[in-house]
């Protein structure tokens, strides 16, 4: 995302949000999103109507939040798949410890 050269605080918050999302720190990401919203609102309030019309802030904010949402969805999907794999492994392990044969999903025809 291109920087808003006249508002480094928003740039720093955007970097913090990206770092929090990539780290999977959802509590921190939520906090930073709220801070970003407040800072963006305050900055927006200082702009004249002409400056608002030319400002890249709305587009940059939409792109940032869409990226954060998309990454969060991907991370949740990956975590769900990992959890399912762990649960399958645990079930197979328990069954092998109990001496039960695994029912096969593959059926052979003679």
PDB file of N, CA and C in Angstrom:
ATOM      1  N   UNK A   1       0.844  -1.163   0.000  1.00  0.00           N
ATOM      2  CA  UNK A   1       0.000   0.000   0.000  1.00  0.00           C
ATOM      3  C   UNK A   1       0.897   1.236   0.000  1.00  0.00           C
ATOM      4  N   UNK A   2       0.651   2.194  -0.884  1.00  0.00           N
ATOM      5  CA  UNK A   2       1.470   3.402  -0.899  1.00  0.00           C
ATOM      6  C   UNK A   2       1.287   4.195   0.390  1.00  0.00           C
ATOM      7  N   UNK A   3       2.331   4.826   0.862  1.00  0.00           N
ATOM      8  CA  UNK A   3       2.200   5.592   2.107  1.00  0.00           C
ATOM      9  C   UNK A   3       1.426   6.881   1.909  1.00  0.00           C
ATOM     10  N   UNK A   4       0.782   7.319   2.971  1.00  0.00           N
ATOM     11  CA  UNK A   4       0.185   8.656   3.000  1.00  0.00           C
ATOM     12  C   UNK A   4       1.264   9.573   3.570  1.00  0.00           C
ATOM     13  N   UNK A   5       2.051  10.166   2.729  1.00  0.00           N
ATOM     14  CA  UNK A   5       3.246  10.876   3.170  1.00  0.00           C
ATOM     15  C   UNK A   5       2.940  11.976   4.181  1.00  0.00           C
ATOM     16  N   UNK A   6       1.730  12.519   4.140  1.00  0.00           N
ATOM     17  CA  UNK A   6       1.397  13.574   5.087  1.00  0.00           C
ATOM     18  C   UNK A   6       0.775  13.034   6.371  1.00  0.00           C
ATOM     19  N   UNK A   7       0.662  11.716   6.509  1.00  0.00           N
ATOM     20  CA  UNK A   7       0.094  11.139   7.736  1.00  0.00           C
ATOM     21  C   UNK A   7       0.836   9.861   8.109  1.00  0.00           C
ATOM     22  N   UNK A   8       2.062  10.000   8.656  1.00  0.00           N
ATOM     23  CA  UNK A   8       2.856   8.816   8.993  1.00  0.00           C
ATOM     24  C   UNK A   8       2.218   7.927  10.071  1.00  0.00           C
ATOM     25  N   UNK A   9       1.373   8.492  10.921  1.00  0.00           N
ATOM     26  CA  UNK A   9       0.723   7.682  11.955  1.00  0.00           C
ATOM     27  C   UNK A   9      -0.154   6.606  11.315  1.00  0.00           C
ATOM     28  N   UNK A  10      -0.874   6.955  10.253  1.00  0.00           N
ATOM     29  CA  UNK A  10      -1.702   5.969   9.561  1.00  0.00           C
ATOM     30  C   UNK A  10      -0.842   4.907   8.898  1.00  0.00           C
ATOM     31  N   UNK A  11       0.291   5.311   8.336  1.00  0.00           N
ATOM     32  CA  UNK A  11       1.203   4.343   7.723  1.00  0.00           C
ATOM     33  C   UNK A  11       1.733   3.363   8.762  1.00  0.00           C
ATOM     34  N   UNK A  12       2.097   3.878   9.933  1.00  0.00           N
ATOM     35  CA  UNK A  12       2.615   3.022  10.999  1.00  0.00           C
ATOM     36  C   UNK A  12       1.537   2.055  11.483  1.00  0.00           C
ATOM     37  N   UNK A  13       0.325   2.535  11.639  1.00  0.00           N
ATOM     38  CA  UNK A  13      -0.771   1.666  12.074  1.00  0.00           C
ATOM     39  C   UNK A  13      -1.073   0.596  11.016  1.00  0.00           C
ATOM     40  N   UNK A  14      -0.973   0.965   9.738  1.00  0.00           N
ATOM     41  CA  UNK A  14      -1.187  -0.020   8.671  1.00  0.00           C
ATOM     42  C   UNK A  14      -0.116  -1.108   8.736  1.00  0.00           C
ATOM     43  N   UNK A  15       1.129  -0.718   8.977  1.00  0.00           N
ATOM     44  CA  UNK A  15       2.211  -1.711   9.109  1.00  0.00           C
ATOM     45  C   UNK A  15       1.973  -2.614  10.317  1.00  0.00           C
ATOM     46  N   UNK A  16       1.550  -2.004  11.433  1.00  0.00           N
ATOM     47  CA  UNK A  16       1.264  -2.788  12.638  1.00  0.00           C
ATOM     48  C   UNK A  16       0.128  -3.784  12.394  1.00  0.00           C
ATOM     49  N   UNK A  17      -0.889  -3.342  11.664  1.00  0.00           N
ATOM     50  CA  UNK A  17      -2.014  -4.234  11.376  1.00  0.00           C
ATOM     51  C   UNK A  17      -1.547  -5.408  10.526  1.00  0.00           C
ATOM     52  N   UNK A  18      -0.772  -5.129   9.497  1.00  0.00           N
ATOM     53  CA  UNK A  18      -0.270  -6.217   8.655  1.00  0.00           C
ATOM     54  C   UNK A  18       0.564  -7.197   9.469  1.00  0.00           C
ATOM     55  N   UNK A  19       1.426  -6.666  10.331  1.00  0.00           N
ATOM     56  CA  UNK A  19       2.283  -7.529  11.154  1.00  0.00           C
ATOM     57  C   UNK A  19       1.438  -8.395  12.094  1.00  0.00           C
ATOM     58  N   UNK A  20       0.419  -7.798  12.703  1.00  0.00           N
ATOM     59  CA  UNK A  20      -0.438  -8.548  13.627  1.00  0.00           C
ATOM     60  C   UNK A  20      -1.209  -9.643  12.901  1.00  0.00           C
ATOM     61  N   UNK A  21      -1.731  -9.326  11.721  1.00  0.00           N
ATOM     62  CA  UNK A  21      -2.485 -10.322  10.959  1.00  0.00           C
ATOM     63  C   UNK A  21      -1.566 -11.461  10.533  1.00  0.00           C
ATOM     64  N   UNK A  22      -0.390 -11.122  10.012  1.00  0.00           N
ATOM     65  CA  UNK A  22       0.540 -12.158   9.571  1.00  0.00           C
ATOM     66  C   UNK A  22       1.008 -13.035  10.729  1.00  0.00           C
ATOM     67  N   UNK A  23       1.100 -12.451  11.927  1.00  0.00           N
ATOM     68  CA  UNK A  23       1.512 -13.213  13.101  1.00  0.00           C
ATOM     69  C   UNK A  23       0.354 -14.021  13.696  1.00  0.00           C
ATOM     70  N   UNK A  24      -0.845 -13.789  13.194  1.00  0.00           N
ATOM     71  CA  UNK A  24      -2.005 -14.492  13.743  1.00  0.00           C
ATOM     72  C   UNK A  24      -2.437 -13.947  15.088  1.00  0.00           C
ATOM     73  N   UNK A  25      -1.996 -12.742  15.407  1.00  0.00           N
ATOM     74  CA  UNK A  25      -2.342 -12.105  16.678  1.00  0.00           C
ATOM     75  C   UNK A  25      -3.634 -11.313  16.482  1.00  0.00           C
ATOM     76  N   UNK A  26      -4.758 -12.015  16.578  1.00  0.00           N
ATOM     77  CA  UNK A  26      -6.040 -11.401  16.254  1.00  0.00           C
ATOM     78  C   UNK A  26      -6.471 -10.351  17.271  1.00  0.00           C
ATOM     79  N   UNK A  27      -6.102 -10.513  18.511  1.00  0.00           N
ATOM     80  CA  UNK A  27      -6.443  -9.508  19.524  1.00  0.00           C
ATOM     81  C   UNK A  27      -5.723  -8.190  19.209  1.00  0.00           C
ATOM     82  N   UNK A  28      -4.441  -8.307  18.890  1.00  0.00           N
ATOM     83  CA  UNK A  28      -3.675  -7.105  18.530  1.00  0.00           C
ATOM     84  C   UNK A  28      -4.200  -6.502  17.231  1.00  0.00           C
ATOM     85  N   UNK A  29      -4.519  -7.329  16.259  1.00  0.00           N
ATOM     86  CA  UNK A  29      -5.044  -6.828  14.990  1.00  0.00           C
ATOM     87  C   UNK A  29      -6.347  -6.064  15.218  1.00  0.00           C
ATOM     88  N   UNK A  30      -7.202  -6.602  16.069  1.00  0.00           N
ATOM     89  CA  UNK A  30      -8.466  -5.927  16.373  1.00  0.00           C
ATOM     90  C   UNK A  30      -8.210  -4.560  17.012  1.00  0.00           C
ATOM     91  N   UNK A  31      -7.264  -4.522  17.941  1.00  0.00           N
ATOM     92  CA  UNK A  31      -6.930  -3.252  18.601  1.00  0.00           C
ATOM     93  C   UNK A  31      -6.389  -2.244  17.589  1.00  0.00           C
ATOM     94  N   UNK A  32      -5.514  -2.699  16.702  1.00  0.00           N
ATOM     95  CA  UNK A  32      -4.906  -1.797  15.719  1.00  0.00           C
ATOM     96  C   UNK A  32      -5.945  -1.309  14.714  1.00  0.00           C
ATOM     97  N   UNK A  33      -6.893  -2.167  14.327  1.00  0.00           N
ATOM     98  CA  UNK A  33      -7.957  -1.738  13.407  1.00  0.00           C
ATOM     99  C   UNK A  33      -8.749  -0.602  14.036  1.00  0.00           C
ATOM    100  N   UNK A  34      -9.054  -0.735  15.324  1.00  0.00           N
ATOM    101  CA  UNK A  34      -9.799   0.327  16.007  1.00  0.00           C
ATOM    102  C   UNK A  34      -8.983   1.619  16.054  1.00  0.00           C
ATOM    103  N   UNK A  35      -7.688   1.508  16.359  1.00  0.00           N
ATOM    104  CA  UNK A  35      -6.813   2.681  16.376  1.00  0.00           C
ATOM    105  C   UNK A  35      -6.724   3.307  14.989  1.00  0.00           C
ATOM    106  N   UNK A  36      -6.625   2.464  13.969  1.00  0.00           N
ATOM    107  CA  UNK A  36      -6.542   2.956  12.591  1.00  0.00           C
ATOM    108  C   UNK A  36      -7.822   3.723  12.241  1.00  0.00           C
ATOM    109  N   UNK A  37      -8.958   3.177  12.626  1.00  0.00           N
ATOM    110  CA  UNK A  37     -10.232   3.845  12.352  1.00  0.00           C
ATOM    111  C   UNK A  37     -10.327   5.209  13.011  1.00  0.00           C
ATOM    112  N   UNK A  38      -9.890   5.288  14.258  1.00  0.00           N
ATOM    113  CA  UNK A  38      -9.915   6.568  14.973  1.00  0.00           C
ATOM    114  C   UNK A  38      -8.965   7.559  14.313  1.00  0.00           C
ATOM    115  N   UNK A  39      -7.743   7.114  14.012  1.00  0.00           N
ATOM    116  CA  UNK A  39      -6.754   7.997  13.392  1.00  0.00           C
ATOM    117  C   UNK A  39      -7.221   8.454  12.010  1.00  0.00           C
ATOM    118  N   UNK A  40      -7.799   7.542  11.236  1.00  0.00           N
ATOM    119  CA  UNK A  40      -8.286   7.907   9.906  1.00  0.00           C
ATOM    120  C   UNK A  40      -9.440   8.903  10.004  1.00  0.00           C
ATOM    121  N   UNK A  41     -10.335   8.693  10.952  1.00  0.00           N
ATOM    122  CA  UNK A  41     -11.459   9.624  11.146  1.00  0.00           C
ATOM    123  C   UNK A  41     -10.968  11.002  11.542  1.00  0.00           C
ATOM    124  N   UNK A  42     -10.004  11.041  12.450  1.00  0.00           N
ATOM    125  CA  UNK A  42      -9.454  12.326  12.879  1.00  0.00           C
ATOM    126  C   UNK A  42      -8.756  13.034  11.716  1.00  0.00           C
ATOM    127  N   UNK A  43      -7.983  12.279  10.946  1.00  0.00           N
ATOM    128  CA  UNK A  43      -7.294  12.858   9.794  1.00  0.00           C
ATOM    129  C   UNK A  43      -8.304  13.361   8.777  1.00  0.00           C
ATOM    130  N   UNK A  44      -9.335  12.559   8.501  1.00  0.00           N
ATOM    131  CA  UNK A  44     -10.358  12.920   7.527  1.00  0.00           C
ATOM    132  C   UNK A  44     -11.060  14.212   7.931  1.00  0.00           C
ATOM    133  N   UNK A  45     -11.297  14.384   9.224  1.00  0.00           N
ATOM    134  CA  UNK A  45     -11.981  15.580   9.722  1.00  0.00           C
ATOM    135  C   UNK A  45     -11.158  16.851   9.506  1.00  0.00           C
ATOM    136  N   UNK A  46      -9.848  16.692   9.383  1.00  0.00           N
ATOM    137  CA  UNK A  46      -8.996  17.875   9.186  1.00  0.00           C
ATOM    138  C   UNK A  46      -8.921  18.308   7.720  1.00  0.00           C
ATOM    139  N   UNK A  47      -9.387  17.470   6.803  1.00  0.00           N
ATOM    140  CA  UNK A  47      -9.284  17.762   5.375  1.00  0.00           C
ATOM    141  C   UNK A  47     -10.435  18.643   4.898  1.00  0.00           C
ATOM    142  N   UNK A  48     -10.131  19.512   3.949  1.00  0.00           N
ATOM    143  CA  UNK A  48     -11.182  20.306   3.304  1.00  0.00           C
ATOM    144  C   UNK A  48     -11.910  19.418   2.305  1.00  0.00           C
ATOM    145  N   UNK A  49     -13.015  19.894   1.803  1.00  0.00           N
ATOM    146  CA  UNK A  49     -13.791  19.125   0.830  1.00  0.00           C
ATOM    147  C   UNK A  49     -12.959  18.829  -0.420  1.00  0.00           C
ATOM    148  N   UNK A  50     -12.159  19.772  -0.845  1.00  0.00           N
ATOM    149  CA  UNK A  50     -11.312  19.571  -2.027  1.00  0.00           C
ATOM    150  C   UNK A  50     -10.249  18.512  -1.742  1.00  0.00           C
ATOM    151  N   UNK A  51      -9.637  18.596  -0.551  1.00  0.00           N
ATOM    152  CA  UNK A  51      -8.617  17.607  -0.179  1.00  0.00           C
ATOM    153  C   UNK A  51      -9.226  16.210  -0.030  1.00  0.00           C
ATOM    154  N   UNK A  52     -10.441  16.149   0.483  1.00  0.00           N
ATOM    155  CA  UNK A  52     -11.112  14.856   0.623  1.00  0.00           C
ATOM    156  C   UNK A  52     -11.358  14.216  -0.739  1.00  0.00           C
ATOM    157  N   UNK A  53     -11.748  15.035  -1.701  1.00  0.00           N
ATOM    158  CA  UNK A  53     -12.027  14.513  -3.039  1.00  0.00           C
ATOM    159  C   UNK A  53     -10.776  13.920  -3.676  1.00  0.00           C
ATOM    160  N   UNK A  54      -9.606  14.467  -3.347  1.00  0.00           N
ATOM    161  CA  UNK A  54      -8.355  14.000  -3.943  1.00  0.00           C
ATOM    162  C   UNK A  54      -7.612  13.000  -3.059  1.00  0.00           C
ATOM    163  N   UNK A  55      -8.111  12.772  -1.862  1.00  0.00           N
ATOM    164  CA  UNK A  55      -7.398  11.934  -0.906  1.00  0.00           C
ATOM    165  C   UNK A  55      -7.437  10.452  -1.285  1.00  0.00           C
ATOM    166  N   UNK A  56      -6.295   9.776  -1.163  1.00  0.00           N
ATOM    167  CA  UNK A  56      -6.266   8.331  -1.406  1.00  0.00           C
ATOM    168  C   UNK A  56      -6.720   7.517  -0.183  1.00  0.00           C
ATOM    169  N   UNK A  57      -7.015   8.195   0.919  1.00  0.00           N
ATOM    170  CA  UNK A  57      -7.326   7.494   2.169  1.00  0.00           C
ATOM    171  C   UNK A  57      -8.462   6.479   2.049  1.00  0.00           C
ATOM    172  N   UNK A  58      -9.615   6.809   1.473  1.00  0.00           N
ATOM    173  CA  UNK A  58     -10.682   5.796   1.410  1.00  0.00           C
ATOM    174  C   UNK A  58     -10.259   4.534   0.661  1.00  0.00           C
ATOM    175  N   UNK A  59      -9.588   4.712  -0.471  1.00  0.00           N
ATOM    176  CA  UNK A  59      -9.157   3.555  -1.263  1.00  0.00           C
ATOM    177  C   UNK A  59      -8.120   2.737  -0.497  1.00  0.00           C
ATOM    178  N   UNK A  60      -7.160   3.416   0.127  1.00  0.00           N
ATOM    179  CA  UNK A  60      -6.113   2.715   0.870  1.00  0.00           C
ATOM    180  C   UNK A  60      -6.689   1.968   2.064  1.00  0.00           C
ATOM    181  N   UNK A  61      -7.628   2.595   2.757  1.00  0.00           N
ATOM    182  CA  UNK A  61      -8.245   1.952   3.919  1.00  0.00           C
ATOM    183  C   UNK A  61      -9.041   0.718   3.493  1.00  0.00           C
ATOM    184  N   UNK A  62      -9.804   0.830   2.387  1.00  0.00           N
ATOM    185  CA  UNK A  62     -10.550  -0.337   1.888  1.00  0.00           C
ATOM    186  C   UNK A  62      -9.609  -1.467   1.506  1.00  0.00           C
ATOM    187  N   UNK A  63      -8.519  -1.141   0.814  1.00  0.00           N
ATOM    188  CA  UNK A  63      -7.557  -2.163   0.407  1.00  0.00           C
ATOM    189  C   UNK A  63      -6.920  -2.839   1.618  1.00  0.00           C
ATOM    190  N   UNK A  64      -6.542  -2.038   2.619  1.00  0.00           N
ATOM    191  CA  UNK A  64      -5.923  -2.584   3.824  1.00  0.00           C
ATOM    192  C   UNK A  64      -6.878  -3.525   4.552  1.00  0.00           C
ATOM    193  N   UNK A  65      -8.105  -3.086   4.743  1.00  0.00           N
ATOM    194  CA  UNK A  65      -9.073  -3.906   5.478  1.00  0.00           C
ATOM    195  C   UNK A  65      -9.480  -5.138   4.682  1.00  0.00           C
ATOM    196  N   UNK A  66      -9.566  -5.023   3.361  1.00  0.00           N
ATOM    197  CA  UNK A  66      -9.877  -6.198   2.533  1.00  0.00           C
ATOM    198  C   UNK A  66      -8.734  -7.205   2.613  1.00  0.00           C
ATOM    199  N   UNK A  67      -7.501  -6.724   2.593  1.00  0.00           N
ATOM    200  CA  UNK A  67      -6.351  -7.620   2.721  1.00  0.00           C
ATOM    201  C   UNK A  67      -6.382  -8.329   4.074  1.00  0.00           C
ATOM    202  N   UNK A  68      -6.605  -7.566   5.144  1.00  0.00           N
ATOM    203  CA  UNK A  68      -6.628  -8.149   6.492  1.00  0.00           C
ATOM    204  C   UNK A  68      -7.740  -9.194   6.606  1.00  0.00           C
ATOM    205  N   UNK A  69      -8.889  -8.906   6.048  1.00  0.00           N
ATOM    206  CA  UNK A  69     -10.005  -9.858   6.082  1.00  0.00           C
ATOM    207  C   UNK A  69      -9.646 -11.124   5.306  1.00  0.00           C
ATOM    208  N   UNK A  70      -9.121 -10.954   4.109  1.00  0.00           N
ATOM    209  CA  UNK A  70      -8.752 -12.102   3.293  1.00  0.00           C
ATOM    210  C   UNK A  70      -7.704 -12.974   3.957  1.00  0.00           C
ATOM    211  N   UNK A  71      -6.681 -12.354   4.516  1.00  0.00           N
ATOM    212  CA  UNK A  71      -5.628 -13.111   5.195  1.00  0.00           C
ATOM    213  C   UNK A  71      -6.179 -13.843   6.413  1.00  0.00           C
ATOM    214  N   UNK A  72      -7.078 -13.213   7.138  1.00  0.00           N
ATOM    215  CA  UNK A  72      -7.669 -13.845   8.315  1.00  0.00           C
ATOM    216  C   UNK A  72      -8.491 -15.067   7.903  1.00  0.00           C
ATOM    217  N   UNK A  73      -9.234 -14.951   6.811  1.00  0.00           N
ATOM    218  CA  UNK A  73     -10.018 -16.090   6.322  1.00  0.00           C
ATOM    219  C   UNK A  73      -9.099 -17.237   5.928  1.00  0.00           C
ATOM    220  N   UNK A  74      -8.008 -16.914   5.232  1.00  0.00           N
ATOM    221  CA  UNK A  74      -7.046 -17.949   4.832  1.00  0.00           C
ATOM    222  C   UNK A  74      -6.446 -18.618   6.069  1.00  0.00           C
ATOM    223  N   UNK A  75      -6.040 -17.813   7.048  1.00  0.00           N
ATOM    224  CA  UNK A  75      -5.440 -18.369   8.259  1.00  0.00           C
ATOM    225  C   UNK A  75      -6.431 -19.248   9.017  1.00  0.00           C
ATOM    226  N   UNK A  76      -7.678 -18.845   9.088  1.00  0.00           N
ATOM    227  CA  UNK A  76      -8.687 -19.655   9.780  1.00  0.00           C
ATOM    228  C   UNK A  76      -8.923 -20.965   9.047  1.00  0.00           C
ATOM    229  N   UNK A  77      -8.907 -20.920   7.723  1.00  0.00           N
ATOM    230  CA  UNK A  77      -9.083 -22.148   6.939  1.00  0.00           C
ATOM    231  C   UNK A  77      -7.925 -23.104   7.180  1.00  0.00           C
ATOM    232  N   UNK A  78      -6.718 -22.579   7.159  1.00  0.00           N
ATOM    233  CA  UNK A  78      -5.533 -23.408   7.402  1.00  0.00           C
ATOM    234  C   UNK A  78      -5.581 -23.996   8.811  1.00  0.00           C
ATOM    235  N   UNK A  79      -5.931 -23.175   9.790  1.00  0.00           N
ATOM    236  CA  UNK A  79      -6.007 -23.672  11.168  1.00  0.00           C
ATOM    237  C   UNK A  79      -7.073 -24.759  11.290  1.00  0.00           C
ATOM    238  N   UNK A  80      -8.198 -24.590  10.611  1.00  0.00           N
ATOM    239  CA  UNK A  80      -9.248 -25.600  10.637  1.00  0.00           C
ATOM    240  C   UNK A  80      -8.783 -26.914  10.032  1.00  0.00           C
ATOM    241  N   UNK A  81      -8.053 -26.824   8.925  1.00  0.00           N
ATOM    242  CA  UNK A  81      -7.526 -28.039   8.292  1.00  0.00           C
ATOM    243  C   UNK A  81      -6.497 -28.720   9.188  1.00  0.00           C
ATOM    244  N   UNK A  82      -5.661 -27.925   9.847  1.00  0.00           N
ATOM    245  CA  UNK A  82      -4.676 -28.502  10.759  1.00  0.00           C
ATOM    246  C   UNK A  82      -5.356 -29.176  11.943  1.00  0.00           C
ATOM    247  N   UNK A  83      -6.383 -28.552  12.484  1.00  0.00           N
ATOM    248  CA  UNK A  83      -7.121 -29.154  13.591  1.00  0.00           C
ATOM    249  C   UNK A  83      -7.775 -30.462  13.163  1.00  0.00           C
ATOM    250  N   UNK A  84      -8.354 -30.483  11.977  1.00  0.00           N
ATOM    251  CA  UNK A  84      -8.983 -31.711  11.486  1.00  0.00           C
ATOM    252  C   UNK A  84      -7.944 -32.813  11.333  1.00  0.00           C
ATOM    253  N   UNK A  85      -6.745 -32.474  10.851  1.00  0.00           N
ATOM    254  CA  UNK A  85      -5.686 -33.475  10.702  1.00  0.00           C
ATOM    255  C   UNK A  85      -5.250 -34.008  12.056  1.00  0.00           C
ATOM    256  N   UNK A  86      -5.146 -33.143  13.031  1.00  0.00           N
ATOM    257  CA  UNK A  86      -4.764 -33.568  14.384  1.00  0.00           C
ATOM    258  C   UNK A  86      -5.843 -34.484  14.960  1.00  0.00           C
ATOM    259  N   UNK A  87      -7.096 -34.141  14.772  1.00  0.00           N
ATOM    260  CA  UNK A  87      -8.181 -34.965  15.294  1.00  0.00           C
ATOM    261  C   UNK A  87      -8.213 -36.341  14.617  1.00  0.00           C
ATOM    262  N   UNK A  88      -7.986 -36.375  13.295  1.00  0.00           N
ATOM    263  CA  UNK A  88      -7.938 -37.667  12.593  1.00  0.00           C
ATOM    264  C   UNK A  88      -6.783 -38.516  13.115  1.00  0.00           C
ATOM    265  N   UNK A  89      -5.637 -37.900  13.278  1.00  0.00           N
ATOM    266  CA  UNK A  89      -4.465 -38.621  13.769  1.00  0.00           C
ATOM    267  C   UNK A  89      -4.725 -39.162  15.176  1.00  0.00           C
ATOM    268  N   UNK A  90      -5.343 -38.366  15.998  1.00  0.00           N
ATOM    269  CA  UNK A  90      -5.654 -38.800  17.366  1.00  0.00           C
ATOM    270  C   UNK A  90      -6.609 -39.983  17.350  1.00  0.00           C
ATOM    271  N   UNK A  91      -7.639 -39.918  16.506  1.00  0.00           N
ATOM    272  CA  UNK A  91      -8.593 -41.035  16.417  1.00  0.00           C
ATOM    273  C   UNK A  91      -7.900 -42.305  15.943  1.00  0.00           C
ATOM    274  N   UNK A  92      -7.085 -42.201  14.910  1.00  0.00           N
ATOM    275  CA  UNK A  92      -6.369 -43.370  14.397  1.00  0.00           C
ATOM    276  C   UNK A  92      -5.433 -43.934  15.458  1.00  0.00           C
ATOM    277  N   UNK A  93      -4.775 -43.057  16.167  1.00  0.00           N
ATOM    278  CA  UNK A  93      -3.848 -43.490  17.214  1.00  0.00           C
ATOM    279  C   UNK A  93      -4.604 -44.210  18.323  1.00  0.00           C
ATOM    280  N   UNK A  94      -5.728 -43.668  18.755  1.00  0.00           N
ATOM    281  CA  UNK A  94      -6.525 -44.309  19.801  1.00  0.00           C
ATOM    282  C   UNK A  94      -7.012 -45.685  19.350  1.00  0.00           C
ATOM    283  N   UNK A  95      -7.463 -45.768  18.123  1.00  0.00           N
ATOM    284  CA  UNK A  95      -7.961 -47.044  17.621  1.00  0.00           C
ATOM    285  C   UNK A  95      -6.842 -48.074  17.522  1.00  0.00           C
ATOM    286  N   UNK A  96      -5.661 -47.642  17.125  1.00  0.00           N
ATOM    287  CA  UNK A  96      -4.557 -48.604  17.029  1.00  0.00           C
ATOM    288  C   UNK A  96      -4.105 -49.048  18.417  1.00  0.00           C
ATOM    289  N   UNK A  97      -4.185 -48.163  19.403  1.00  0.00           N
ATOM    290  CA  UNK A  97      -3.828 -48.546  20.769  1.00  0.00           C
ATOM    291  C   UNK A  97      -4.838 -49.519  21.360  1.00  0.00           C
ATOM    292  N   UNK A  98      -6.087 -49.409  20.956  1.00  0.00           N
ATOM    293  CA  UNK A  98      -7.132 -50.300  21.454  1.00  0.00           C
ATOM    294  C   UNK A  98      -7.171 -51.606  20.667  1.00  0.00           C
ATOM    295  N   UNK A  99      -6.370 -51.685  19.626  1.00  0.00           N
ATOM    296  CA  UNK A  99      -6.298 -52.914  18.844  1.00  0.00           C
ATOM    297  C   UNK A  99      -7.418 -53.079  17.848  1.00  0.00           C
ATOM    298  N   UNK A 100      -8.126 -52.035  17.574  1.00  0.00           N
ATOM    299  CA  UNK A 100      -9.209 -52.125  16.602  1.00  0.00           C
ATOM    300  C   UNK A 100      -8.643 -51.912  15.206  1.00  0.00           C
ATOM    301  N   UNK A 101      -9.128 -52.689  14.316  1.00  0.00           N
ATOM    302  CA  UNK A 101      -8.719 -52.523  12.920  1.00  0.00           C
ATOM    303  C   UNK A 101      -9.454 -51.329  12.331  1.00  0.00           C
ATOM    304  N   UNK A 102      -8.770 -50.620  11.500  1.00  0.00           N
ATOM    305  CA  UNK A 102      -9.373 -49.480  10.824  1.00  0.00           C
ATOM    306  C   UNK A 102     -10.322 -49.965   9.732  1.00  0.00           C
ATOM    307  N   UNK A 103     -11.546 -49.508   9.762  1.00  0.00           N
ATOM    308  CA  UNK A 103     -12.418 -49.843   8.636  1.00  0.00           C
ATOM    309  C   UNK A 103     -11.925 -49.084   7.407  1.00  0.00           C
ATOM    310  N   UNK A 104     -11.753 -49.784   6.347  1.00  0.00           N
ATOM    311  CA  UNK A 104     -11.230 -49.162   5.135  1.00  0.00           C
ATOM    312  C   UNK A 104     -12.357 -48.537   4.348  1.00  0.00           C
ATOM    313  N   UNK A 105     -12.092 -47.391   3.790  1.00  0.00           N
ATOM    314  CA  UNK A 105     -13.075 -46.744   2.922  1.00  0.00           C
ATOM    315  C   UNK A 105     -12.945 -47.259   1.489  1.00  0.00           C
ATOM    316  N   UNK A 106     -11.897 -48.067   1.245  1.00  0.00           N
ATOM    317  CA  UNK A 106     -11.674 -48.619  -0.087  1.00  0.00           C
ATOM    318  C   UNK A 106     -12.325 -49.996  -0.146  1.00  0.00           C
ATOM    319  N   UNK A 107     -13.160 -50.212  -1.126  1.00  0.00           N
ATOM    320  CA  UNK A 107     -13.820 -51.510  -1.309  1.00  0.00           C
ATOM    321  C   UNK A 107     -13.302 -52.132  -2.593  1.00  0.00           C
ATOM    322  N   UNK A 108     -12.850 -53.361  -2.479  1.00  0.00           N
ATOM    323  CA  UNK A 108     -12.356 -54.089  -3.640  1.00  0.00           C
ATOM    324  C   UNK A 108     -13.452 -54.983  -4.179  1.00  0.00           C
ATOM    325  N   UNK A 109     -13.548 -55.073  -5.478  1.00  0.00           N
ATOM    326  CA  UNK A 109     -14.539 -55.952  -6.117  1.00  0.00           C
ATOM    327  C   UNK A 109     -13.804 -57.126  -6.736  1.00  0.00           C
ATOM    328  N   UNK A 110     -14.395 -58.289  -6.591  1.00  0.00           N
ATOM    329  CA  UNK A 110     -13.768 -59.492  -7.158  1.00  0.00           C
ATOM    330  C   UNK A 110     -14.175 -59.688  -8.586  1.00  0.00           C
TER     331      UNK A 110
END
